[in-house]
Amino acid sequence: MKPQIIEKDGKPEWAIIPYKQYLEIVQSLDLSDDLRDLKKFKKADDGERVPAEIVNRILEGENPIKVWREFRGLTQEALAGKSGIGKAYLSQIETGKRTGKAAVLKVIAEALRVTVDEIIAR
């Protein structure tokens, strides 16, 4: 069915369409938004998935640096070496005996391929 066009000052102002057609248009617009969001999500996806076990360990209060280190398959010695700090210092950070300085946490996060926010214990 053709839409009914209502003019104002000689120019089209409104288009009247059947309600069923309106619903189809709205549904296709919603689908279009969903597809756009999906494309955006896929473009930003780095492909890494974090197992629930890792997330749960952090949520249960384990030190995030230790959890991420183990997830990445690194020893304390290996992570300390990648981060340019001593193994003892890393151990103290993981056990909560010391808090790492911002610069140290930054290099640890980089070595673990995570953000600083992901390794700060809450």
PDB file of N, CA and C in Angstrom:
ATOM      1  N   MET A   1       0.839  -1.176   0.000  1.00  0.00           N
ATOM      2  CA  MET A   1       0.000   0.000   0.000  1.00  0.00           C
ATOM      3  C   MET A   1       0.888   1.245   0.000  1.00  0.00           C
ATOM      4  N   LYS A   2       0.480   2.224  -0.750  1.00  0.00           N
ATOM      5  CA  LYS A   2       1.233   3.477  -0.813  1.00  0.00           C
ATOM      6  C   LYS A   2       0.959   4.311   0.431  1.00  0.00           C
ATOM      7  N   PRO A   3       1.980   5.001   0.922  1.00  0.00           N
ATOM      8  CA  PRO A   3       1.732   5.877   2.073  1.00  0.00           C
ATOM      9  C   PRO A   3       0.924   7.108   1.660  1.00  0.00           C
ATOM     10  N   GLN A   4       0.173   7.614   2.601  1.00  0.00           N
ATOM     11  CA  GLN A   4      -0.546   8.865   2.384  1.00  0.00           C
ATOM     12  C   GLN A   4       0.391   9.992   2.801  1.00  0.00           C
ATOM     13  N   ILE A   5       0.619  10.938   1.925  1.00  0.00           N
ATOM     14  CA  ILE A   5       1.526  12.049   2.197  1.00  0.00           C
ATOM     15  C   ILE A   5       0.707  13.284   2.571  1.00  0.00           C
ATOM     16  N   ILE A   6       1.031  13.870   3.690  1.00  0.00           N
ATOM     17  CA  ILE A   6       0.388  15.109   4.129  1.00  0.00           C
ATOM     18  C   ILE A   6       1.416  16.221   3.987  1.00  0.00           C
ATOM     19  N   GLU A   7       0.999  17.270   3.318  1.00  0.00           N
ATOM     20  CA  GLU A   7       1.918  18.375   3.053  1.00  0.00           C
ATOM     21  C   GLU A   7       1.666  19.551   3.984  1.00  0.00           C
ATOM     22  N   LYS A   8       2.709  20.329   4.165  1.00  0.00           N
ATOM     23  CA  LYS A   8       2.618  21.582   4.913  1.00  0.00           C
ATOM     24  C   LYS A   8       3.382  22.618   4.105  1.00  0.00           C
ATOM     25  N   ASP A   9       2.739  23.686   3.806  1.00  0.00           N
ATOM     26  CA  ASP A   9       3.337  24.744   2.982  1.00  0.00           C
ATOM     27  C   ASP A   9       3.848  24.194   1.653  1.00  0.00           C
ATOM     28  N   GLY A  10       3.100  23.247   1.100  1.00  0.00           N
ATOM     29  CA  GLY A  10       3.439  22.700  -0.208  1.00  0.00           C
ATOM     30  C   GLY A  10       4.570  21.685  -0.216  1.00  0.00           C
ATOM     31  N   LYS A  11       5.030  21.284   0.975  1.00  0.00           N
ATOM     32  CA  LYS A  11       6.122  20.306   1.054  1.00  0.00           C
ATOM     33  C   LYS A  11       5.669  19.111   1.892  1.00  0.00           C
ATOM     34  N   PRO A  12       6.162  17.904   1.555  1.00  0.00           N
ATOM     35  CA  PRO A  12       5.782  16.730   2.353  1.00  0.00           C
ATOM     36  C   PRO A  12       6.197  16.905   3.820  1.00  0.00           C
ATOM     37  N   GLU A  13       5.259  16.687   4.729  1.00  0.00           N
ATOM     38  CA  GLU A  13       5.510  16.842   6.162  1.00  0.00           C
ATOM     39  C   GLU A  13       5.328  15.514   6.895  1.00  0.00           C
ATOM     40  N   TRP A  14       4.348  14.751   6.491  1.00  0.00           N
ATOM     41  CA  TRP A  14       4.032  13.482   7.155  1.00  0.00           C
ATOM     42  C   TRP A  14       3.781  12.397   6.107  1.00  0.00           C
ATOM     43  N   ALA A  15       4.142  11.161   6.486  1.00  0.00           N
ATOM     44  CA  ALA A  15       3.795  10.000   5.664  1.00  0.00           C
ATOM     45  C   ALA A  15       2.987   9.053   6.546  1.00  0.00           C
ATOM     46  N   ILE A  16       1.775   8.754   6.133  1.00  0.00           N
ATOM     47  CA  ILE A  16       0.898   7.855   6.878  1.00  0.00           C
ATOM     48  C   ILE A  16       0.989   6.481   6.222  1.00  0.00           C
ATOM     49  N   ILE A  17       1.359   5.484   7.031  1.00  0.00           N
ATOM     50  CA  ILE A  17       1.486   4.116   6.516  1.00  0.00           C
ATOM     51  C   ILE A  17       0.671   3.173   7.396  1.00  0.00           C
ATOM     52  N   PRO A  18       0.309   2.008   6.869  1.00  0.00           N
ATOM     53  CA  PRO A  18      -0.411   1.036   7.691  1.00  0.00           C
ATOM     54  C   PRO A  18       0.437   0.615   8.897  1.00  0.00           C
ATOM     55  N   TYR A  19      -0.239   0.337   9.999  1.00  0.00           N
ATOM     56  CA  TYR A  19       0.445  -0.009  11.247  1.00  0.00           C
ATOM     57  C   TYR A  19       1.339  -1.237  11.070  1.00  0.00           C
ATOM     58  N   LYS A  20       0.876  -2.225  10.340  1.00  0.00           N
ATOM     59  CA  LYS A  20       1.676  -3.439  10.112  1.00  0.00           C
ATOM     60  C   LYS A  20       2.998  -3.077   9.422  1.00  0.00           C
ATOM     61  N   GLN A  21       2.936  -2.204   8.458  1.00  0.00           N
ATOM     62  CA  GLN A  21       4.144  -1.771   7.749  1.00  0.00           C
ATOM     63  C   GLN A  21       5.062  -0.998   8.696  1.00  0.00           C
ATOM     64  N   TYR A  22       4.476  -0.172   9.543  1.00  0.00           N
ATOM     65  CA  TYR A  22       5.245   0.565  10.549  1.00  0.00           C
ATOM     66  C   TYR A  22       6.005  -0.409  11.452  1.00  0.00           C
ATOM     67  N   LEU A  23       5.316  -1.456  11.932  1.00  0.00           N
ATOM     68  CA  LEU A  23       5.964  -2.447  12.804  1.00  0.00           C
ATOM     69  C   LEU A  23       7.121  -3.145  12.096  1.00  0.00           C
ATOM     70  N   GLU A  24       6.937  -3.450  10.816  1.00  0.00           N
ATOM     71  CA  GLU A  24       8.008  -4.086  10.043  1.00  0.00           C
ATOM     72  C   GLU A  24       9.227  -3.165   9.942  1.00  0.00           C
ATOM     73  N   ILE A  25       8.984  -1.887   9.750  1.00  0.00           N
ATOM     74  CA  ILE A  25      10.082  -0.918   9.659  1.00  0.00           C
ATOM     75  C   ILE A  25      10.816  -0.821  10.990  1.00  0.00           C
ATOM     76  N   VAL A  26      10.055  -0.730  12.081  1.00  0.00           N
ATOM     77  CA  VAL A  26      10.666  -0.647  13.413  1.00  0.00           C
ATOM     78  C   VAL A  26      11.498  -1.892  13.693  1.00  0.00           C
ATOM     79  N   GLN A  27      10.951  -3.061  13.352  1.00  0.00           N
ATOM     80  CA  GLN A  27      11.679  -4.309  13.585  1.00  0.00           C
ATOM     81  C   GLN A  27      12.967  -4.347  12.764  1.00  0.00           C
ATOM     82  N   SER A  28      12.913  -3.898  11.527  1.00  0.00           N
ATOM     83  CA  SER A  28      14.128  -3.919  10.699  1.00  0.00           C
ATOM     84  C   SER A  28      15.157  -2.925  11.224  1.00  0.00           C
ATOM     85  N   LEU A  29      14.704  -1.796  11.773  1.00  0.00           N
ATOM     86  CA  LEU A  29      15.646  -0.837  12.358  1.00  0.00           C
ATOM     87  C   LEU A  29      16.308  -1.422  13.598  1.00  0.00           C
ATOM     88  N   ASP A  30      15.536  -2.117  14.441  1.00  0.00           N
ATOM     89  CA  ASP A  30      16.101  -2.771  15.623  1.00  0.00           C
ATOM     90  C   ASP A  30      17.135  -3.805  15.216  1.00  0.00           C
ATOM     91  N   LEU A  31      16.814  -4.582  14.188  1.00  0.00           N
ATOM     92  CA  LEU A  31      17.742  -5.597  13.703  1.00  0.00           C
ATOM     93  C   LEU A  31      19.004  -4.937  13.167  1.00  0.00           C
ATOM     94  N   SER A  32      18.830  -3.824  12.474  1.00  0.00           N
ATOM     95  CA  SER A  32      19.980  -3.097  11.941  1.00  0.00           C
ATOM     96  C   SER A  32      20.883  -2.609  13.073  1.00  0.00           C
ATOM     97  N   ASP A  33      20.277  -2.092  14.153  1.00  0.00           N
ATOM     98  CA  ASP A  33      21.055  -1.656  15.323  1.00  0.00           C
ATOM     99  C   ASP A  33      21.804  -2.830  15.936  1.00  0.00           C
ATOM    100  N   ASP A  34      21.121  -3.973  16.038  1.00  0.00           N
ATOM    101  CA  ASP A  34      21.753  -5.166  16.603  1.00  0.00           C
ATOM    102  C   ASP A  34      22.943  -5.604  15.759  1.00  0.00           C
ATOM    103  N   LEU A  35      22.777  -5.590  14.445  1.00  0.00           N
ATOM    104  CA  LEU A  35      23.869  -5.993  13.556  1.00  0.00           C
ATOM    105  C   LEU A  35      25.046  -5.025  13.664  1.00  0.00           C
ATOM    106  N   ARG A  36      24.754  -3.728  13.775  1.00  0.00           N
ATOM    107  CA  ARG A  36      25.815  -2.732  13.930  1.00  0.00           C
ATOM    108  C   ARG A  36      26.575  -2.964  15.237  1.00  0.00           C
ATOM    109  N   ASP A  37      25.822  -3.223  16.320  1.00  0.00           N
ATOM    110  CA  ASP A  37      26.457  -3.483  17.611  1.00  0.00           C
ATOM    111  C   ASP A  37      27.306  -4.748  17.559  1.00  0.00           C
ATOM    112  N   LEU A  38      26.808  -5.775  16.879  1.00  0.00           N
ATOM    113  CA  LEU A  38      27.555  -7.025  16.757  1.00  0.00           C
ATOM    114  C   LEU A  38      28.858  -6.805  15.990  1.00  0.00           C
ATOM    115  N   LYS A  39      28.808  -6.044  14.917  1.00  0.00           N
ATOM    116  CA  LYS A  39      30.023  -5.748  14.146  1.00  0.00           C
ATOM    117  C   LYS A  39      31.032  -4.988  15.003  1.00  0.00           C
ATOM    118  N   LYS A  40      30.537  -4.018  15.789  1.00  0.00           N
ATOM    119  CA  LYS A  40      31.408  -3.242  16.671  1.00  0.00           C
ATOM    120  C   LYS A  40      32.061  -4.157  17.709  1.00  0.00           C
ATOM    121  N   PHE A  41      31.268  -5.060  18.272  1.00  0.00           N
ATOM    122  CA  PHE A  41      31.772  -6.000  19.270  1.00  0.00           C
ATOM    123  C   PHE A  41      32.837  -6.912  18.661  1.00  0.00           C
ATOM    124  N   LYS A  42      32.553  -7.447  17.480  1.00  0.00           N
ATOM    125  CA  LYS A  42      33.510  -8.349  16.833  1.00  0.00           C
ATOM    126  C   LYS A  42      34.811  -7.628  16.485  1.00  0.00           C
ATOM    127  N   LYS A  43      34.705  -6.370  16.081  1.00  0.00           N
ATOM    128  CA  LYS A  43      35.904  -5.605  15.731  1.00  0.00           C
ATOM    129  C   LYS A  43      36.787  -5.381  16.957  1.00  0.00           C
ATOM    130  N   ALA A  44      36.162  -5.168  18.112  1.00  0.00           N
ATOM    131  CA  ALA A  44      36.911  -4.900  19.346  1.00  0.00           C
ATOM    132  C   ALA A  44      37.384  -6.178  20.033  1.00  0.00           C
ATOM    133  N   ASP A  45      36.895  -7.326  19.596  1.00  0.00           N
ATOM    134  CA  ASP A  45      37.221  -8.601  20.241  1.00  0.00           C
ATOM    135  C   ASP A  45      38.670  -8.989  19.972  1.00  0.00           C
ATOM    136  N   ASP A  46      39.429  -9.198  21.045  1.00  0.00           N
ATOM    137  CA  ASP A  46      40.828  -9.602  20.889  1.00  0.00           C
ATOM    138  C   ASP A  46      40.979 -11.122  20.840  1.00  0.00           C
ATOM    139  N   GLY A  47      39.875 -11.831  20.977  1.00  0.00           N
ATOM    140  CA  GLY A  47      39.902 -13.282  20.861  1.00  0.00           C
ATOM    141  C   GLY A  47      40.201 -14.019  22.146  1.00  0.00           C
ATOM    142  N   GLU A  48      40.644 -13.317  23.171  1.00  0.00           N
ATOM    143  CA  GLU A  48      40.984 -13.994  24.417  1.00  0.00           C
ATOM    144  C   GLU A  48      39.740 -14.208  25.263  1.00  0.00           C
ATOM    145  N   ARG A  49      39.628 -15.391  25.823  1.00  0.00           N
ATOM    146  CA  ARG A  49      38.545 -15.718  26.743  1.00  0.00           C
ATOM    147  C   ARG A  49      39.167 -16.079  28.081  1.00  0.00           C
ATOM    148  N   VAL A  50      38.579 -15.568  29.144  1.00  0.00           N
ATOM    149  CA  VAL A  50      39.087 -15.838  30.483  1.00  0.00           C
ATOM    150  C   VAL A  50      38.153 -16.851  31.131  1.00  0.00           C
ATOM    151  N   PRO A  51      38.683 -18.003  31.524  1.00  0.00           N
ATOM    152  CA  PRO A  51      37.837 -19.027  32.137  1.00  0.00           C
ATOM    153  C   PRO A  51      37.179 -18.533  33.426  1.00  0.00           C
ATOM    154  N   ALA A  52      35.996 -19.045  33.697  1.00  0.00           N
ATOM    155  CA  ALA A  52      35.261 -18.667  34.909  1.00  0.00           C
ATOM    156  C   ALA A  52      36.092 -18.943  36.156  1.00  0.00           C
ATOM    157  N   GLU A  53      36.884 -19.994  36.134  1.00  0.00           N
ATOM    158  CA  GLU A  53      37.725 -20.336  37.291  1.00  0.00           C
ATOM    159  C   GLU A  53      38.651 -19.173  37.657  1.00  0.00           C
ATOM    160  N   ILE A  54      39.215 -18.537  36.653  1.00  0.00           N
ATOM    161  CA  ILE A  54      40.130 -17.413  36.885  1.00  0.00           C
ATOM    162  C   ILE A  54      39.360 -16.235  37.481  1.00  0.00           C
ATOM    163  N   VAL A  55      38.234 -15.918  36.881  1.00  0.00           N
ATOM    164  CA  VAL A  55      37.403 -14.818  37.377  1.00  0.00           C
ATOM    165  C   VAL A  55      36.970 -15.097  38.813  1.00  0.00           C
ATOM    166  N   ASN A  56      36.514 -16.314  39.069  1.00  0.00           N
ATOM    167  CA  ASN A  56      36.048 -16.673  40.416  1.00  0.00           C
ATOM    168  C   ASN A  56      37.158 -16.568  41.455  1.00  0.00           C
ATOM    169  N   ARG A  57      38.354 -16.985  41.103  1.00  0.00           N
ATOM    170  CA  ARG A  57      39.473 -16.886  42.051  1.00  0.00           C
ATOM    171  C   ARG A  57      39.718 -15.433  42.451  1.00  0.00           C
ATOM    172  N   ILE A  58      39.666 -14.549  41.478  1.00  0.00           N
ATOM    173  CA  ILE A  58      39.870 -13.125  41.770  1.00  0.00           C
ATOM    174  C   ILE A  58      38.713 -12.593  42.612  1.00  0.00           C
ATOM    175  N   LEU A  59      37.478 -12.961  42.237  1.00  0.00           N
ATOM    176  CA  LEU A  59      36.314 -12.499  42.997  1.00  0.00           C
ATOM    177  C   LEU A  59      36.313 -13.023  44.426  1.00  0.00           C
ATOM    178  N   GLU A  60      36.906 -14.198  44.628  1.00  0.00           N
ATOM    179  CA  GLU A  60      36.965 -14.784  45.968  1.00  0.00           C
ATOM    180  C   GLU A  60      38.095 -14.199  46.808  1.00  0.00           C
ATOM    181  N   GLY A  61      38.870 -13.286  46.236  1.00  0.00           N
ATOM    182  CA  GLY A  61      39.866 -12.576  47.020  1.00  0.00           C
ATOM    183  C   GLY A  61      41.312 -12.977  46.806  1.00  0.00           C
ATOM    184  N   GLU A  62      41.574 -13.922  45.894  1.00  0.00           N
ATOM    185  CA  GLU A  62      42.977 -14.257  45.616  1.00  0.00           C
ATOM    186  C   GLU A  62      43.649 -13.058  44.955  1.00  0.00           C
ATOM    187  N   ASN A  63      44.947 -12.963  45.138  1.00  0.00           N
ATOM    188  CA  ASN A  63      45.683 -11.856  44.553  1.00  0.00           C
ATOM    189  C   ASN A  63      45.608 -11.941  43.027  1.00  0.00           C
ATOM    190  N   PRO A  64      45.102 -10.887  42.376  1.00  0.00           N
ATOM    191  CA  PRO A  64      44.947 -10.920  40.923  1.00  0.00           C
ATOM    192  C   PRO A  64      46.252 -11.129  40.161  1.00  0.00           C
ATOM    193  N   ILE A  65      47.351 -10.594  40.673  1.00  0.00           N
ATOM    194  CA  ILE A  65      48.631 -10.777  39.978  1.00  0.00           C
ATOM    195  C   ILE A  65      48.993 -12.255  39.960  1.00  0.00           C
ATOM    196  N   LYS A  66      48.834 -12.911  41.092  1.00  0.00           N
ATOM    197  CA  LYS A  66      49.140 -14.341  41.167  1.00  0.00           C
ATOM    198  C   LYS A  66      48.229 -15.138  40.235  1.00  0.00           C
ATOM    199  N   VAL A  67      46.943 -14.816  40.258  1.00  0.00           N
ATOM    200  CA  VAL A  67      45.982 -15.543  39.419  1.00  0.00           C
ATOM    201  C   VAL A  67      46.313 -15.362  37.947  1.00  0.00           C
ATOM    202  N   TRP A  68      46.553 -14.123  37.513  1.00  0.00           N
ATOM    203  CA  TRP A  68      46.898 -13.872  36.112  1.00  0.00           C
ATOM    204  C   TRP A  68      48.240 -14.508  35.745  1.00  0.00           C
ATOM    205  N   ARG A  69      49.197 -14.455  36.669  1.00  0.00           N
ATOM    206  CA  ARG A  69      50.511 -15.061  36.402  1.00  0.00           C
ATOM    207  C   ARG A  69      50.348 -16.552  36.136  1.00  0.00           C
ATOM    208  N   GLU A  70      49.578 -17.213  36.990  1.00  0.00           N
ATOM    209  CA  GLU A  70      49.373 -18.650  36.812  1.00  0.00           C
ATOM    210  C   GLU A  70      48.582 -18.939  35.534  1.00  0.00           C
ATOM    211  N   PHE A  71      47.598 -18.105  35.228  1.00  0.00           N
ATOM    212  CA  PHE A  71      46.825 -18.268  33.994  1.00  0.00           C
ATOM    213  C   PHE A  71      47.725 -18.158  32.769  1.00  0.00           C
ATOM    214  N   ARG A  72      48.697 -17.268  32.839  1.00  0.00           N
ATOM    215  CA  ARG A  72      49.630 -17.087  31.719  1.00  0.00           C
ATOM    216  C   ARG A  72      50.738 -18.142  31.713  1.00  0.00           C
ATOM    217  N   GLY A  73      50.759 -18.994  32.741  1.00  0.00           N
ATOM    218  CA  GLY A  73      51.757 -20.060  32.789  1.00  0.00           C
ATOM    219  C   GLY A  73      53.143 -19.577  33.166  1.00  0.00           C
ATOM    220  N   LEU A  74      53.208 -18.504  33.943  1.00  0.00           N
ATOM    221  CA  LEU A  74      54.501 -17.941  34.335  1.00  0.00           C
ATOM    222  C   LEU A  74      54.831 -18.274  35.789  1.00  0.00           C
ATOM    223  N   THR A  75      56.093 -18.469  36.049  1.00  0.00           N
ATOM    224  CA  THR A  75      56.563 -18.598  37.430  1.00  0.00           C
ATOM    225  C   THR A  75      56.775 -17.191  37.977  1.00  0.00           C
ATOM    226  N   GLN A  76      56.953 -17.098  39.287  1.00  0.00           N
ATOM    227  CA  GLN A  76      57.279 -15.790  39.863  1.00  0.00           C
ATOM    228  C   GLN A  76      58.574 -15.267  39.266  1.00  0.00           C
ATOM    229  N   GLU A  77      59.524 -16.151  39.114  1.00  0.00           N
ATOM    230  CA  GLU A  77      60.824 -15.753  38.562  1.00  0.00           C
ATOM    231  C   GLU A  77      60.674 -15.202  37.143  1.00  0.00           C
ATOM    232  N   ALA A  78      59.875 -15.884  36.329  1.00  0.00           N
ATOM    233  CA  ALA A  78      59.692 -15.442  34.945  1.00  0.00           C
ATOM    234  C   ALA A  78      58.981 -14.091  34.882  1.00  0.00           C
ATOM    235  N   LEU A  79      57.921 -13.924  35.677  1.00  0.00           N
ATOM    236  CA  LEU A  79      57.201 -12.650  35.669  1.00  0.00           C
ATOM    237  C   LEU A  79      58.069 -11.523  36.221  1.00  0.00           C
ATOM    238  N   ALA A  80      58.810 -11.805  37.272  1.00  0.00           N
ATOM    239  CA  ALA A  80      59.709 -10.793  37.835  1.00  0.00           C
ATOM    240  C   ALA A  80      60.726 -10.361  36.778  1.00  0.00           C
ATOM    241  N   GLY A  81      61.280 -11.331  36.054  1.00  0.00           N
ATOM    242  CA  GLY A  81      62.245 -11.014  34.996  1.00  0.00           C
ATOM    243  C   GLY A  81      61.633 -10.170  33.893  1.00  0.00           C
ATOM    244  N   LYS A  82      60.424 -10.529  33.454  1.00  0.00           N
ATOM    245  CA  LYS A  82      59.744  -9.756  32.408  1.00  0.00           C
ATOM    246  C   LYS A  82      59.410  -8.341  32.878  1.00  0.00           C
ATOM    247  N   SER A  83      59.195  -8.208  34.180  1.00  0.00           N
ATOM    248  CA  SER A  83      58.792  -6.920  34.746  1.00  0.00           C
ATOM    249  C   SER A  83      59.971  -6.081  35.217  1.00  0.00           C
ATOM    250  N   GLY A  84      61.157  -6.678  35.248  1.00  0.00           N
ATOM    251  CA  GLY A  84      62.342  -5.947  35.687  1.00  0.00           C
ATOM    252  C   GLY A  84      62.372  -5.688  37.184  1.00  0.00           C
ATOM    253  N   ILE A  85      61.782  -6.600  37.952  1.00  0.00           N
ATOM    254  CA  ILE A  85      61.804  -6.472  39.414  1.00  0.00           C
ATOM    255  C   ILE A  85      62.340  -7.771  40.005  1.00  0.00           C
ATOM    256  N   GLY A  86      62.632  -7.752  41.281  1.00  0.00           N
ATOM    257  CA  GLY A  86      63.123  -8.952  41.941  1.00  0.00           C
ATOM    258  C   GLY A  86      61.994  -9.926  42.259  1.00  0.00           C
ATOM    259  N   LYS A  87      62.339 -11.209  42.276  1.00  0.00           N
ATOM    260  CA  LYS A  87      61.357 -12.250  42.592  1.00  0.00           C
ATOM    261  C   LYS A  87      60.793 -12.049  43.997  1.00  0.00           C
ATOM    262  N   ALA A  88      61.643 -11.661  44.940  1.00  0.00           N
ATOM    263  CA  ALA A  88      61.194 -11.457  46.321  1.00  0.00           C
ATOM    264  C   ALA A  88      60.163 -10.329  46.392  1.00  0.00           C
ATOM    265  N   TYR A  89      60.415  -9.261  45.646  1.00  0.00           N
ATOM    266  CA  TYR A  89      59.480  -8.130  45.627  1.00  0.00           C
ATOM    267  C   TYR A  89      58.132  -8.576  45.060  1.00  0.00           C
ATOM    268  N   LEU A  90      58.160  -9.335  43.961  1.00  0.00           N
ATOM    269  CA  LEU A  90      56.926  -9.846  43.364  1.00  0.00           C
ATOM    270  C   LEU A  90      56.186 -10.732  44.357  1.00  0.00           C
ATOM    271  N   SER A  91      56.915 -11.591  45.029  1.00  0.00           N
ATOM    272  CA  SER A  91      56.305 -12.476  46.024  1.00  0.00           C
ATOM    273  C   SER A  91      55.617 -11.671  47.122  1.00  0.00           C
ATOM    274  N   GLN A  92      56.273 -10.610  47.572  1.00  0.00           N
ATOM    275  CA  GLN A  92      55.686  -9.765  48.617  1.00  0.00           C
ATOM    276  C   GLN A  92      54.426  -9.051  48.122  1.00  0.00           C
ATOM    277  N   ILE A  93      54.415  -8.659  46.865  1.00  0.00           N
ATOM    278  CA  ILE A  93      53.218  -8.028  46.294  1.00  0.00           C
ATOM    279  C   ILE A  93      52.092  -9.060  46.232  1.00  0.00           C
ATOM    280  N   GLU A  94      52.416 -10.267  45.760  1.00  0.00           N
ATOM    281  CA  GLU A  94      51.392 -11.305  45.637  1.00  0.00           C
ATOM    282  C   GLU A  94      50.818 -11.730  46.987  1.00  0.00           C
ATOM    283  N   THR A  95      51.632 -11.724  48.021  1.00  0.00           N
ATOM    284  CA  THR A  95      51.149 -12.138  49.346  1.00  0.00           C
ATOM    285  C   THR A  95      50.541 -10.981  50.130  1.00  0.00           C
ATOM    286  N   GLY A  96      50.632  -9.771  49.591  1.00  0.00           N
ATOM    287  CA  GLY A  96      50.046  -8.615  50.262  1.00  0.00           C
ATOM    288  C   GLY A  96      50.937  -7.991  51.316  1.00  0.00           C
ATOM    289  N   LYS A  97      52.183  -8.466  51.415  1.00  0.00           N
ATOM    290  CA  LYS A  97      53.113  -7.886  52.390  1.00  0.00           C
ATOM    291  C   LYS A  97      53.580  -6.504  51.957  1.00  0.00           C
ATOM    292  N   ARG A  98      53.559  -6.273  50.645  1.00  0.00           N
ATOM    293  CA  ARG A  98      53.912  -4.958  50.099  1.00  0.00           C
ATOM    294  C   ARG A  98      52.911  -4.617  49.004  1.00  0.00           C
ATOM    295  N   THR A  99      52.712  -3.328  48.838  1.00  0.00           N
ATOM    296  CA  THR A  99      51.901  -2.886  47.700  1.00  0.00           C
ATOM    297  C   THR A  99      52.862  -2.354  46.654  1.00  0.00           C
ATOM    298  N   GLY A 100      52.657  -2.735  45.448  1.00  0.00           N
ATOM    299  CA  GLY A 100      53.541  -2.266  44.388  1.00  0.00           C
ATOM    300  C   GLY A 100      53.278  -0.812  44.053  1.00  0.00           C
ATOM    301  N   LYS A 101      54.333  -0.110  43.700  1.00  0.00           N
ATOM    302  CA  LYS A 101      54.192   1.273  43.241  1.00  0.00           C
ATOM    303  C   LYS A 101      53.499   1.254  41.878  1.00  0.00           C
ATOM    304  N   ALA A 102      52.907   2.377  41.521  1.00  0.00           N
ATOM    305  CA  ALA A 102      52.156   2.469  40.268  1.00  0.00           C
ATOM    306  C   ALA A 102      52.993   2.050  39.062  1.00  0.00           C
ATOM    307  N   ALA A 103      54.241   2.496  39.011  1.00  0.00           N
ATOM    308  CA  ALA A 103      55.105   2.163  37.870  1.00  0.00           C
ATOM    309  C   ALA A 103      55.375   0.664  37.808  1.00  0.00           C
ATOM    310  N   VAL A 104      55.532   0.037  38.971  1.00  0.00           N
ATOM    311  CA  VAL A 104      55.780  -1.410  39.022  1.00  0.00           C
ATOM    312  C   VAL A 104      54.533  -2.166  38.587  1.00  0.00           C
ATOM    313  N   LEU A 105      53.375  -1.742  39.082  1.00  0.00           N
ATOM    314  CA  LEU A 105      52.125  -2.398  38.688  1.00  0.00           C
ATOM    315  C   LEU A 105      51.894  -2.273  37.188  1.00  0.00           C
ATOM    316  N   LYS A 106      52.292  -1.147  36.629  1.00  0.00           N
ATOM    317  CA  LYS A 106      52.137  -0.939  35.185  1.00  0.00           C
ATOM    318  C   LYS A 106      52.968  -1.942  34.392  1.00  0.00           C
ATOM    319  N   VAL A 107      54.215  -2.156  34.777  1.00  0.00           N
ATOM    320  CA  VAL A 107      55.054  -3.101  34.021  1.00  0.00           C
ATOM    321  C   VAL A 107      54.601  -4.542  34.261  1.00  0.00           C
ATOM    322  N   ILE A 108      54.117  -4.833  35.453  1.00  0.00           N
ATOM    323  CA  ILE A 108      53.585  -6.179  35.712  1.00  0.00           C
ATOM    324  C   ILE A 108      52.357  -6.418  34.832  1.00  0.00           C
ATOM    325  N   ALA A 109      51.462  -5.433  34.785  1.00  0.00           N
ATOM    326  CA  ALA A 109      50.262  -5.556  33.953  1.00  0.00           C
ATOM    327  C   ALA A 109      50.634  -5.767  32.489  1.00  0.00           C
ATOM    328  N   GLU A 110      51.605  -5.011  32.009  1.00  0.00           N
ATOM    329  CA  GLU A 110      52.048  -5.170  30.618  1.00  0.00           C
ATOM    330  C   GLU A 110      52.599  -6.569  30.379  1.00  0.00           C
ATOM    331  N   ALA A 111      53.378  -7.078  31.329  1.00  0.00           N
ATOM    332  CA  ALA A 111      53.949  -8.420  31.186  1.00  0.00           C
ATOM    333  C   ALA A 111      52.856  -9.489  31.184  1.00  0.00           C
ATOM    334  N   LEU A 112      51.772  -9.224  31.912  1.00  0.00           N
ATOM    335  CA  LEU A 112      50.660 -10.181  31.982  1.00  0.00           C
ATOM    336  C   LEU A 112      49.630  -9.958  30.870  1.00  0.00           C
ATOM    337  N   ARG A 113      49.826  -8.894  30.084  1.00  0.00           N
ATOM    338  CA  ARG A 113      48.907  -8.532  28.998  1.00  0.00           C
ATOM    339  C   ARG A 113      47.491  -8.255  29.516  1.00  0.00           C
ATOM    340  N   VAL A 114      47.429  -7.476  30.599  1.00  0.00           N
ATOM    341  CA  VAL A 114      46.160  -7.031  31.172  1.00  0.00           C
ATOM    342  C   VAL A 114      46.291  -5.548  31.515  1.00  0.00           C
ATOM    343  N   THR A 115      45.200  -4.948  31.942  1.00  0.00           N
ATOM    344  CA  THR A 115      45.261  -3.552  32.384  1.00  0.00           C
ATOM    345  C   THR A 115      45.653  -3.509  33.855  1.00  0.00           C
ATOM    346  N   VAL A 116      46.119  -2.361  34.297  1.00  0.00           N
ATOM    347  CA  VAL A 116      46.464  -2.192  35.713  1.00  0.00           C
ATOM    348  C   VAL A 116      45.227  -2.439  36.573  1.00  0.00           C
ATOM    349  N   ASP A 117      44.074  -1.981  36.119  1.00  0.00           N
ATOM    350  CA  ASP A 117      42.835  -2.199  36.879  1.00  0.00           C
ATOM    351  C   ASP A 117      42.573  -3.681  37.141  1.00  0.00           C
ATOM    352  N   GLU A 118      42.989  -4.533  36.218  1.00  0.00           N
ATOM    353  CA  GLU A 118      42.726  -5.967  36.368  1.00  0.00           C
ATOM    354  C   GLU A 118      43.645  -6.641  37.385  1.00  0.00           C
ATOM    355  N   ILE A 119      44.706  -5.977  37.800  1.00  0.00           N
ATOM    356  CA  ILE A 119      45.608  -6.611  38.775  1.00  0.00           C
ATOM    357  C   ILE A 119      45.583  -5.947  40.145  1.00  0.00           C
ATOM    358  N   ILE A 120      44.774  -4.917  40.289  1.00  0.00           N
ATOM    359  CA  ILE A 120      44.679  -4.255  41.593  1.00  0.00           C
ATOM    360  C   ILE A 120      43.666  -5.008  42.442  1.00  0.00           C
ATOM    361  N   ALA A 121      44.114  -5.488  43.597  1.00  0.00           N
ATOM    362  CA  ALA A 121      43.218  -6.211  44.506  1.00  0.00           C
ATOM    363  C   ALA A 121      42.194  -5.240  45.066  1.00  0.00           C
ATOM    364  N   ARG A 122      40.985  -5.692  45.140  1.00  0.00           N
ATOM    365  CA  ARG A 122      39.897  -4.842  45.661  1.00  0.00           C
ATOM    366  C   ARG A 122      39.436  -5.347  46.995  1.00  0.00           C
TER     367      ARG A 122
END
